Structure formats: C-alpha cells, structure tokens
Protein backbone atom coordinates (compact mmCIF):
# COMPACT_ATOMS: atom_id res chain seq x y z
CA UNK A 1 17.80 -14.80 4.16
CA UNK A 2 20.42 -14.42 1.48
CA UNK A 3 20.57 -15.62 -2.13
CA UNK A 4 21.75 -19.20 -2.29
CA UNK A 5 20.34 -20.28 1.10
CA UNK A 6 18.60 -23.66 0.89
CA UNK A 7 15.79 -22.94 3.37
CA UNK A 8 14.55 -20.92 6.30
CA UNK A 9 15.51 -21.84 9.87
CA UNK A 10 14.64 -18.94 12.16
CA UNK A 11 15.33 -15.36 13.15
CA UNK A 12 18.53 -13.50 14.03
CA UNK A 13 17.81 -9.85 14.81
CA UNK A 14 21.20 -9.05 16.28
CA UNK A 15 23.34 -9.24 13.15
CA UNK A 16 23.05 -7.08 10.07
CA UNK A 17 21.18 -8.76 7.18
CA UNK A 18 24.35 -9.21 5.11
CA UNK A 19 26.04 -10.99 8.05
CA UNK A 20 23.28 -13.51 8.73
CA UNK A 21 24.05 -17.22 8.70
CA UNK A 22 22.43 -19.30 5.99
CA UNK A 23 18.69 -19.76 6.51
CA UNK A 24 18.13 -16.92 8.97
CA UNK A 25 15.79 -13.97 8.56
CA UNK A 26 16.46 -10.61 10.18
CA UNK A 27 12.87 -10.33 11.42
CA UNK A 28 9.54 -12.18 11.32
CA UNK A 29 6.00 -11.20 12.38
CA UNK A 30 3.21 -13.82 12.49
CA UNK A 31 5.43 -16.39 10.77
CA UNK A 32 6.56 -19.97 11.41
CA UNK A 33 9.64 -21.70 10.02
CA UNK A 34 8.83 -25.31 9.17
CA UNK A 35 10.74 -27.76 7.03
CA UNK A 36 12.86 -25.01 5.51
CA UNK A 37 9.88 -22.83 4.61
CA UNK A 38 8.75 -19.51 6.05
CA UNK A 39 4.96 -19.63 6.30
CA UNK A 40 2.27 -17.38 7.73
CA UNK A 41 1.20 -18.91 11.00
CA UNK A 42 -2.24 -20.44 11.38
CA UNK A 43 -4.90 -18.19 12.87
CA UNK A 44 -6.21 -17.94 16.41
CA UNK A 45 -9.82 -19.01 16.90
CA UNK A 46 -12.22 -18.03 19.67
CA UNK A 47 -13.49 -21.07 21.58
CA UNK A 48 -17.16 -20.97 22.43
CA UNK A 49 -16.83 -23.09 25.56
CA UNK A 50 -14.65 -20.33 27.03
CA UNK A 51 -17.40 -17.69 26.97
CA UNK A 52 -21.02 -17.28 27.95
CA UNK A 53 -23.65 -17.58 25.23
CA UNK A 54 -26.51 -15.09 24.94
CA UNK A 55 -29.29 -15.63 25.67
CA UNK A 56 -28.22 -17.98 28.45
CA UNK A 57 -29.66 -21.46 28.04
CA UNK A 58 -29.86 -24.60 30.11
CA UNK A 59 -29.53 -26.56 26.87
CA UNK A 60 -25.80 -27.19 26.44
CA UNK A 61 -25.90 -27.89 22.72
CA UNK A 62 -27.91 -24.74 22.08
CA UNK A 63 -25.72 -22.60 24.32
CA UNK A 64 -22.55 -23.49 22.46
CA UNK A 65 -24.09 -23.35 19.00
CA UNK A 66 -22.02 -21.43 16.48
CA UNK A 67 -24.75 -18.89 15.74
CA UNK A 68 -25.17 -17.70 19.33
CA UNK A 69 -23.64 -14.33 20.32
CA UNK A 70 -20.86 -14.60 22.89
CA UNK A 71 -20.56 -12.75 26.17
CA UNK A 72 -17.20 -12.27 27.86
CA UNK A 73 -16.70 -13.98 31.20
CA UNK A 74 -14.75 -10.92 32.31
CA UNK A 75 -11.18 -9.86 32.93
CA UNK A 76 -9.03 -12.88 33.83
CA UNK A 77 -7.36 -12.65 37.24
CA UNK A 78 -6.01 -16.18 37.33
CA UNK A 79 -6.31 -19.56 35.65
CA UNK A 80 -5.50 -23.13 36.65
CA UNK A 81 -6.34 -26.79 36.10
CA UNK A 82 -8.41 -28.97 38.43
CA UNK A 83 -8.54 -32.73 38.11
CA UNK A 84 -11.45 -34.02 40.19
CA UNK A 85 -11.66 -37.42 41.94
CA UNK A 86 -13.31 -38.85 38.81
CA UNK A 87 -10.19 -37.89 36.82
CA UNK A 88 -12.12 -35.26 34.86
CA UNK A 89 -10.02 -32.20 34.03
CA UNK A 90 -11.49 -28.71 34.26
CA UNK A 91 -9.98 -25.34 33.44
CA UNK A 92 -10.67 -23.05 36.42
CA UNK A 93 -10.70 -19.32 35.76
CA UNK A 94 -11.15 -16.41 38.19
CA UNK A 95 -12.58 -13.34 36.46
CA UNK A 96 -13.55 -9.80 37.30
CA UNK A 97 -17.06 -9.49 35.92
CA UNK A 98 -17.17 -5.80 35.09
CA UNK A 99 -20.78 -5.94 33.93
CA UNK A 100 -21.90 -6.40 37.53
CA UNK A 101 -19.86 -3.65 39.16
CA UNK A 102 -22.65 -1.02 39.19
CA UNK A 103 -25.44 -3.33 40.28
CA UNK A 104 -23.77 -5.64 42.78
CA UNK A 105 -20.22 -4.67 43.77
CA UNK A 106 -20.07 -7.46 46.37
CA UNK A 107 -19.74 -10.01 43.59
CA UNK A 108 -17.20 -8.53 41.24
CA UNK A 109 -15.03 -11.63 41.23
CA UNK A 110 -16.37 -14.98 40.03
CA UNK A 111 -14.86 -18.41 39.39
CA UNK A 112 -15.88 -20.62 36.47
CA UNK A 113 -15.11 -24.19 35.49
CA UNK A 114 -14.56 -24.59 31.73
CA UNK A 115 -14.52 -27.75 29.64
CA UNK A 116 -15.07 -28.42 25.97
CA UNK A 117 -18.63 -29.41 25.15
CA UNK A 118 -20.12 -27.70 28.19
CA UNK A 119 -21.21 -24.18 29.06
CA UNK A 120 -19.11 -22.35 31.71
CA UNK A 121 -20.14 -23.52 35.18
CA UNK A 122 -19.96 -20.98 37.99
CA UNK A 123 -18.06 -22.37 40.97
CA UNK A 124 -19.35 -21.39 44.45
CA UNK A 125 -16.94 -19.44 46.68
CA UNK A 126 -17.43 -19.03 50.43
CA UNK A 127 -16.38 -15.36 50.50
CA UNK A 128 -15.59 -12.34 48.35
CA UNK A 129 -12.37 -12.77 46.40
CA UNK A 130 -9.37 -10.49 46.02
CA UNK A 131 -9.55 -7.97 43.19
CA UNK A 132 -6.05 -8.75 41.93
CA UNK A 133 -3.83 -11.60 40.72
CA UNK A 134 -5.04 -15.06 41.74
CA UNK A 135 -3.15 -18.34 41.34
CA UNK A 136 -4.13 -21.98 41.75
CA UNK A 137 -2.20 -25.05 42.96
CA UNK A 138 -3.44 -28.64 42.63
CA UNK A 139 -2.81 -30.72 45.77
CA UNK A 140 -3.79 -34.32 45.00
CA UNK A 141 -7.61 -34.17 44.70
CA UNK A 142 -7.92 -30.57 45.90
CA UNK A 143 -7.29 -27.19 44.26
CA UNK A 144 -5.87 -24.32 46.34
CA UNK A 145 -6.75 -20.72 45.51
CA UNK A 146 -4.07 -18.11 46.37
CA UNK A 147 -5.06 -14.45 46.82
CA UNK A 148 -1.77 -12.81 47.81
CA UNK A 149 -0.58 -11.46 51.15
CA UNK A 150 -1.87 -7.88 51.12
CA UNK A 151 -4.85 -8.70 53.37
CA UNK A 152 -4.43 -12.20 54.83
CA UNK A 153 -7.44 -11.92 57.14
CA UNK A 154 -9.97 -11.16 54.41
CA UNK A 155 -8.22 -13.07 51.59
CA UNK A 156 -6.88 -16.37 52.99
CA UNK A 157 -6.11 -19.59 51.18
CA UNK A 158 -9.22 -21.39 49.94
CA UNK A 159 -9.57 -25.03 48.89
CA UNK A 160 -11.90 -27.00 46.61
CA UNK A 161 -12.29 -30.75 46.13
CA UNK A 162 -15.73 -30.65 44.47
CA UNK A 163 -16.83 -28.18 41.80
CA UNK A 164 -20.44 -28.27 43.04
CA UNK A 165 -19.40 -27.38 46.61
CA UNK A 166 -16.71 -24.96 45.41
CA UNK A 167 -13.97 -23.12 47.30
CA UNK A 168 -14.13 -23.05 51.11
CA UNK A 169 -11.92 -21.97 54.01
CA UNK A 170 -9.23 -24.39 55.13
CA UNK A 171 -10.13 -26.53 58.14
CA UNK A 172 -8.80 -25.58 61.59
CA UNK A 173 -5.36 -27.00 62.41
CA UNK A 174 -4.83 -29.81 64.86
CA UNK A 175 -3.09 -29.53 68.20
CA UNK A 176 0.46 -28.16 67.91
CA UNK A 177 0.00 -27.19 64.26
CA UNK A 178 -0.60 -23.82 62.60
CA UNK A 179 -3.07 -22.92 59.87
CA UNK A 180 -1.52 -22.40 56.44
CA UNK A 181 -1.41 -18.60 55.98
CA UNK A 182 -2.24 -16.49 52.95
CA UNK A 183 0.10 -16.59 49.97
CA UNK A 184 0.32 -15.43 46.37
CA UNK A 185 1.48 -18.74 44.90
CA UNK A 186 2.59 -22.26 45.77
CA UNK A 187 3.87 -25.61 44.52
CA UNK A 188 2.87 -29.14 45.50
CA UNK A 189 5.79 -31.54 45.76
CA UNK A 190 6.44 -34.60 47.89
CA UNK A 191 2.80 -34.54 49.05
CA UNK A 192 3.31 -31.14 50.69
CA UNK A 193 2.17 -27.66 49.76
CA UNK A 194 5.03 -25.13 49.75
CA UNK A 195 4.11 -21.43 49.84
CA UNK A 196 6.04 -18.14 50.22
CA UNK A 197 4.80 -16.04 53.14
CA UNK A 198 5.47 -12.71 54.81
CA UNK A 199 8.09 -12.80 57.56
CA UNK A 200 6.77 -11.20 60.76
CA UNK A 201 10.27 -9.93 61.64
CA UNK A 202 11.42 -8.49 58.30
CA UNK A 203 7.96 -7.63 56.95
CA UNK A 204 9.06 -9.14 53.62
CA UNK A 205 7.86 -12.19 51.73
CA UNK A 206 11.15 -14.01 52.29
CA UNK A 207 10.06 -17.24 54.00
CA UNK A 208 8.84 -20.54 52.56
CA UNK A 209 6.70 -22.85 54.67
CA UNK A 210 5.82 -26.47 53.98
CA UNK A 211 2.50 -28.04 54.93
CA UNK A 212 2.25 -31.26 56.88
CA UNK A 213 2.55 -34.42 54.84
CA UNK A 214 -0.69 -35.09 52.93
CA UNK A 215 -2.37 -32.18 54.73
CA UNK A 216 -2.38 -28.80 52.98
CA UNK A 217 -4.49 -27.24 55.78
CA UNK A 218 -1.74 -26.95 58.39
CA UNK A 219 2.01 -26.87 59.01
CA UNK A 220 4.57 -27.25 61.77
CA UNK A 221 6.60 -24.22 62.95
CA UNK A 222 9.67 -26.41 62.35
CA UNK A 223 8.97 -26.32 58.62
CA UNK A 224 9.65 -22.63 58.02
CA UNK A 225 12.63 -21.74 55.85
CA UNK A 226 13.97 -18.20 55.63
CA UNK A 227 15.24 -17.32 52.15
CA UNK A 228 17.35 -14.26 52.81
CA UNK A 229 21.06 -13.53 52.99
CA UNK A 230 20.71 -9.87 53.87
CA UNK A 231 19.08 -8.63 50.67
CA UNK A 232 16.03 -6.36 50.55
CA UNK A 233 14.18 -8.60 48.12
CA UNK A 234 10.96 -10.62 48.14
CA UNK A 235 9.93 -14.03 46.78
CA UNK A 236 7.62 -13.76 43.77
CA UNK A 237 7.60 -17.36 42.44
CA UNK A 238 8.36 -20.98 43.27
CA UNK A 239 9.16 -23.52 40.56
CA UNK A 240 9.90 -27.25 40.99
CA UNK A 241 13.38 -27.98 39.66
CA UNK A 242 13.09 -31.74 40.02
CA UNK A 243 11.32 -34.21 42.32
CA UNK A 244 13.32 -33.10 45.39
CA UNK A 245 14.23 -29.42 44.79
CA UNK A 246 12.40 -26.13 44.41
CA UNK A 247 13.67 -22.95 42.76
CA UNK A 248 12.84 -19.83 44.76
CA UNK A 249 12.72 -16.70 42.61
CA UNK A 250 13.07 -13.17 43.88
CA UNK A 251 13.35 -10.17 41.60
CA UNK A 252 17.11 -9.86 42.20
CA UNK A 253 18.10 -13.29 43.54
CA UNK A 254 17.55 -16.99 42.88
CA UNK A 255 17.69 -19.68 45.56
CA UNK A 256 17.36 -23.46 45.60
CA UNK A 257 15.57 -25.43 48.33
CA UNK A 258 17.13 -28.92 48.52
CA UNK A 259 15.80 -32.17 50.02
CA UNK A 260 12.16 -31.09 50.15
CA UNK A 261 10.76 -34.63 50.11
CA UNK A 262 10.39 -36.72 53.27
CA UNK A 263 12.11 -35.56 56.46
CA UNK A 264 12.37 -31.78 56.15
CA UNK A 265 15.07 -31.55 58.81
CA UNK A 266 17.46 -32.22 55.92
CA UNK A 267 16.36 -29.17 53.89
CA UNK A 268 19.17 -26.84 52.82
CA UNK A 269 19.05 -23.47 51.08
CA UNK A 270 21.57 -22.44 48.38
CA UNK A 271 21.75 -19.12 46.57
CA UNK A 272 22.14 -19.79 42.84
CA UNK A 273 22.48 -16.20 41.73
CA UNK A 274 22.74 -12.90 43.57
CA UNK A 275 22.95 -10.53 40.61
CA UNK A 276 19.61 -11.11 38.88
CA UNK A 277 16.29 -12.82 39.46
CA UNK A 278 12.83 -13.05 37.88
CA UNK A 279 11.05 -10.06 36.35
CA UNK A 280 7.43 -11.22 36.80
CA UNK A 281 5.70 -13.96 38.83
CA UNK A 282 4.44 -15.86 35.75
CA UNK A 283 7.50 -15.35 33.53
CA UNK A 284 9.14 -18.71 34.31
CA UNK A 285 8.76 -22.00 32.43
CA UNK A 286 10.08 -25.54 32.98
CA UNK A 287 10.88 -27.47 29.80
CA UNK A 288 12.39 -30.88 30.45
CA UNK A 289 15.64 -30.37 32.36
CA UNK A 290 15.73 -26.63 31.60
CA UNK A 291 14.03 -23.73 33.35
CA UNK A 292 13.69 -20.55 31.27
CA UNK A 293 12.74 -17.22 32.78
CA UNK A 294 12.70 -13.54 31.98
CA UNK A 295 14.90 -10.97 33.65
CA UNK A 296 16.05 -7.56 32.49
CA UNK A 297 19.05 -9.04 30.64
CA UNK A 298 16.72 -11.18 28.54
CA UNK A 299 15.47 -14.76 28.62
CA UNK A 300 17.82 -16.84 30.77
CA UNK A 301 18.22 -20.59 31.22
CA UNK A 302 18.96 -22.75 34.24
CA UNK A 303 19.98 -26.31 33.35
CA UNK A 304 20.33 -29.56 35.23
CA UNK A 305 23.69 -31.20 34.50
CA UNK A 306 24.42 -34.91 34.19
CA UNK A 307 25.41 -34.90 37.87
CA UNK A 308 22.10 -33.25 38.88
CA UNK A 309 23.77 -29.98 39.79
CA UNK A 310 22.36 -26.70 38.50
CA UNK A 311 24.05 -24.58 35.87
CA UNK A 312 23.14 -21.00 34.97
CA UNK A 313 23.87 -20.23 31.31
CA UNK A 314 26.03 -17.11 31.17
CA UNK A 315 24.61 -15.53 28.02
CA UNK A 316 20.84 -15.10 27.69
CA UNK A 317 19.27 -17.55 25.25
CA UNK A 318 17.52 -14.49 23.81
CA UNK A 319 20.78 -12.97 22.50
CA UNK A 320 19.75 -13.48 18.83
CA UNK A 321 16.64 -11.34 19.41
CA UNK A 322 18.30 -8.73 21.64
CA UNK A 323 16.80 -5.79 19.66
CA UNK A 324 13.33 -7.18 20.42
CA UNK A 325 14.12 -7.65 24.12
CA UNK A 326 15.12 -3.97 24.28
CA UNK A 327 11.61 -3.01 23.10
CA UNK A 328 9.98 -4.55 26.19
CA UNK A 329 8.20 -2.10 28.48
CA UNK A 330 9.84 -3.33 31.67
CA UNK A 331 7.77 -1.18 34.02
CA UNK A 332 4.64 -2.96 32.83
CA UNK A 333 6.25 -6.36 32.20
CA UNK A 334 7.12 -6.81 35.89
CA UNK A 335 3.41 -7.41 36.50
CA UNK A 336 2.22 -8.87 33.18
CA UNK A 337 4.90 -10.98 31.45
CA UNK A 338 3.81 -14.61 31.13
CA UNK A 339 5.23 -17.77 29.57
CA UNK A 340 3.78 -20.90 27.98
CA UNK A 341 5.13 -24.17 26.57
CA UNK A 342 3.54 -26.50 24.05
CA UNK A 343 4.52 -28.73 21.13
CA UNK A 344 8.21 -28.12 21.78
CA UNK A 345 7.80 -24.36 21.57
CA UNK A 346 8.40 -21.69 24.23
CA UNK A 347 6.05 -18.71 24.29
CA UNK A 348 6.58 -15.39 26.08
CA UNK A 349 3.89 -12.70 26.12
CA UNK A 350 5.19 -9.19 26.92
CA UNK A 351 4.36 -5.52 26.35
CA UNK A 352 6.56 -3.89 23.70
CA UNK A 353 6.96 -0.39 22.28
CA UNK A 354 5.41 1.32 25.29
CA UNK A 355 2.28 -0.87 25.45
CA UNK A 356 0.42 -0.88 28.79
CA UNK A 357 -0.43 -4.59 28.58
CA UNK A 358 1.08 -7.60 26.85
CA UNK A 359 1.04 -6.85 23.13
CA UNK A 360 3.33 -9.44 21.48
CA UNK A 361 4.19 -13.13 21.77
CA UNK A 362 7.83 -14.14 21.34
CA UNK A 363 8.30 -17.75 20.16
CA UNK A 364 11.24 -20.14 20.33
CA UNK A 365 11.25 -23.54 18.58
CA UNK A 366 13.18 -26.05 20.67
CA UNK A 367 13.21 -28.54 17.77
CA UNK A 368 15.30 -26.24 15.59
CA UNK A 369 16.78 -24.22 18.46
CA UNK A 370 15.84 -20.98 16.77
CA UNK A 371 13.67 -17.97 17.49
CA UNK A 372 10.56 -17.62 15.33
CA UNK A 373 10.08 -13.87 15.73
CA UNK A 374 6.87 -12.48 17.22
CA UNK A 375 3.12 -12.86 16.87
CA UNK A 376 1.37 -9.50 16.94
CA UNK A 377 -2.28 -8.80 16.11
CA UNK A 378 -4.66 -6.17 17.51
CA UNK A 379 -6.60 -8.63 19.72
CA UNK A 380 -3.57 -10.75 20.69
CA UNK A 381 -3.16 -9.40 24.24
CA UNK A 382 -2.27 -12.53 26.20
CA UNK A 383 -2.68 -12.36 29.97
CA UNK A 384 -2.52 -16.11 30.70
CA UNK A 385 -1.50 -19.26 28.81
CA UNK A 386 -3.02 -22.62 29.67
CA UNK A 387 -3.37 -26.12 28.25
CA UNK A 388 -6.80 -27.64 27.69
CA UNK A 389 -8.54 -30.11 25.40
CA UNK A 390 -10.14 -28.87 22.19
CA UNK A 391 -11.49 -31.18 19.48
CA UNK A 392 -10.16 -34.17 21.37
CA UNK A 393 -6.57 -32.96 21.70
CA UNK A 394 -4.67 -31.02 24.34
CA UNK A 395 -3.60 -27.66 22.94
CA UNK A 396 -2.07 -24.41 24.13
CA UNK A 397 -4.71 -21.73 24.73
CA UNK A 398 -4.64 -18.19 25.99
CA UNK A 399 -6.85 -15.76 27.84
CA UNK A 400 -6.83 -12.21 26.53
CA UNK A 401 -7.04 -8.73 28.04
CA UNK A 402 -9.31 -7.84 25.15
CA UNK A 403 -12.90 -7.39 26.40
CA UNK A 404 -14.45 -8.90 23.27
CA UNK A 405 -15.10 -12.61 22.68
CA UNK A 406 -11.40 -13.25 21.94
CA UNK A 407 -11.12 -14.55 25.46
CA UNK A 408 -9.95 -18.12 25.09
CA UNK A 409 -8.05 -19.03 21.97
CA UNK A 410 -5.92 -21.74 20.44
CA UNK A 411 -2.53 -20.67 18.98
C-alpha cells in the first residue's frame, strides 16, 4: 500500500510495490482485508467434538468437557456429510487409526460420525476399508462410500442409511441390471448416482456410468458413457455444473455431460478443453454459477453465461498471486490440493516451498474480488475442508495432517 491510499483492499503479488493500484498490498500472511483495514485474522480453535476424550466416558457432557485431554481420531482419509431420515446432519470421517496398527492391523481404518454436543460415534462397516483416499456421496437418504478402483473386489462401493447399522455392501442387482462397480468418487443428480469407472477395453478410468433411477445399487449397460477422444488420460473428478449437466475432469482434459436428467438416451458429451484439466481430485469448487479449479497454470474459472452455455476464462483468476502459485510443490499437490468455500470466500490448501503436505491456505474474497494472501501456521496442514455446525451456526472447518489435537478446526 502506498502513501495516500484510503484503505486496504487485497493483495497483488505480481506487480512491483511502487506499481500497485491504490489499496493493494504486495503480500499478506495471516491477514484479512475488511472495510478498508488490514487486520490479523482470527485464530483457529480445536473443536472437542472432533476428537476422542481421554479417559473415554459414556457421559457425553464429561467427555467433551474443556479440561479433558484430547486423543486424535487418526489420519483423515475422507470426509463427508450424512443427513439421516430424521433430517439430522452428521459429519462422517474415515480415519487411519495409527495407534492400533501394531495390535490389530485388521482394523486400521475406522469411520466416525461427528456432531456438536456429542462424542464421536464409531460407525460399523461390513468389511475392512481401503488404506487410501475415501470419498462420500449422499444419495437421498443413503450415503455411498467410495474406495477407488485399485482393487474393486475387496474394496467395492458401500452404502449406509442408518448410522447404527453402518456401511454395508450394495444389494444384488435385479434381472437385466448390473451391480454398480467400484469407483473413487461420484455425484448424485436427477435421482441417479453417476460414477467414473475403469474401462475394460482401455484399462483407463475413462467411462461414466449412471445408476437406475432412484436406485444407486444397479445400472443398465445402456447407461455407460465413454469420455475419451483418443487421449491417454483418466477421470479424477465429477462436478455438477447445473441441474442437468456434469463436468468431467481429467488431468489434461475437461468434458461436459449434457442432459443427465430423465431419459439418458439424450445424453451428449462435449469436450470443453483439451489443453489442461484438473491437478487434484479435490481441487475443484462450485460457487454460484462459477466453477473454480486448480491446474498447473493457476486457479482457473469456468462460468455459466446468460444463455446457459459454458465459458472458460482465458487468464487464470490467480494471475495477481502468480508468484505464490509458482511456489506450489506440484508433484505433491496432484494428490493433496483441496478447496473450500464459505462466507463468500474461496479457500485453497496446497503445499508450497517444497513441503510434502499442504502447508498454506490461499484465500480469495468474492465480495471484494481480491486475493487475501495466505494463511500459514505450523499446525495449519489442511487435508480436508468441510462445513458443520458449531455453536449453533454452520461454519467452515478443516481436518489436519497434524497428529496432535488440531484435527478439526474453525477458520
């Protein structure tokens, strides 16, 4: 900021300090720009309902008391939200419980249901879970657990419609239908579950299948859609673009599935971009009519126009923080980068300066249309963002790589 400026707006790292527009700072760490002022951001607090209390107690109020030591649930492998038939919302987290590895290796992976005011509730699972990334998809009153495609026989899709019963195998398909196969991710749209699967011919994850209507257990062979125009590239994420279209992200290409609601004989596939795609499976975020995602050119935006067509913005929206983007450890980021959105702010957690896990949060304020710099603290190693209720309000939270009690926090 230069002498004579009336107030702070945001960050511009690309231009030299003497060339900055009025109100811009050349860098900011752990700061927020509000109402023309540059202020140190509020702190991050550990939430007791996101960790076990020692000694363990059946008394909920005692277990979450402020003077009880906390015990980590474990390394987070995946996190999602489950709304049960009673309309109660639970945060569901799959963790690798390292404390049990030496004594009982058959139960490394556990699933917990978290909710403010309660102690973590272990969710039963019908089989051993995959020791790797796990994702969840809500399908009406059920929650689907995805374990990837590396070993579909041992790590299939699982489903839960009751926390007490927990996750179980999908039911056998009816006559003429096929069982929904293993997948790493999915989206639920138009009362169907869409998942990317491995193509038996190409050996690549380049096919999307859609479940039967109102039945996520099975699908028709007619509802398989190959997403490939000759490239050696695999699908790593699906993202709803609107109520009738799904973005299909590969690492080097982006496609659009059209007409995915109702009669699927009308589905068409369009390639949106063939020169870049998505860096990491969780590095994409929908915000209103925009979809922001990370690729190796920076943070890029896809927008819906007034005529409902899709427009890719030529220049990355991260241009003003290009020096920071260049500090990203891309080799690690392809597996770890993750986005969040809350209170009109976009969050991106990435590894920078050679870090081996996410070590900084990049923030953009959509209200002022400016970058806020980065948040960087020793324990701020975000692996997953999620929204949950704390103190009666929905807030953005994160799960950390850090093995201490800084497991679930509120930025």
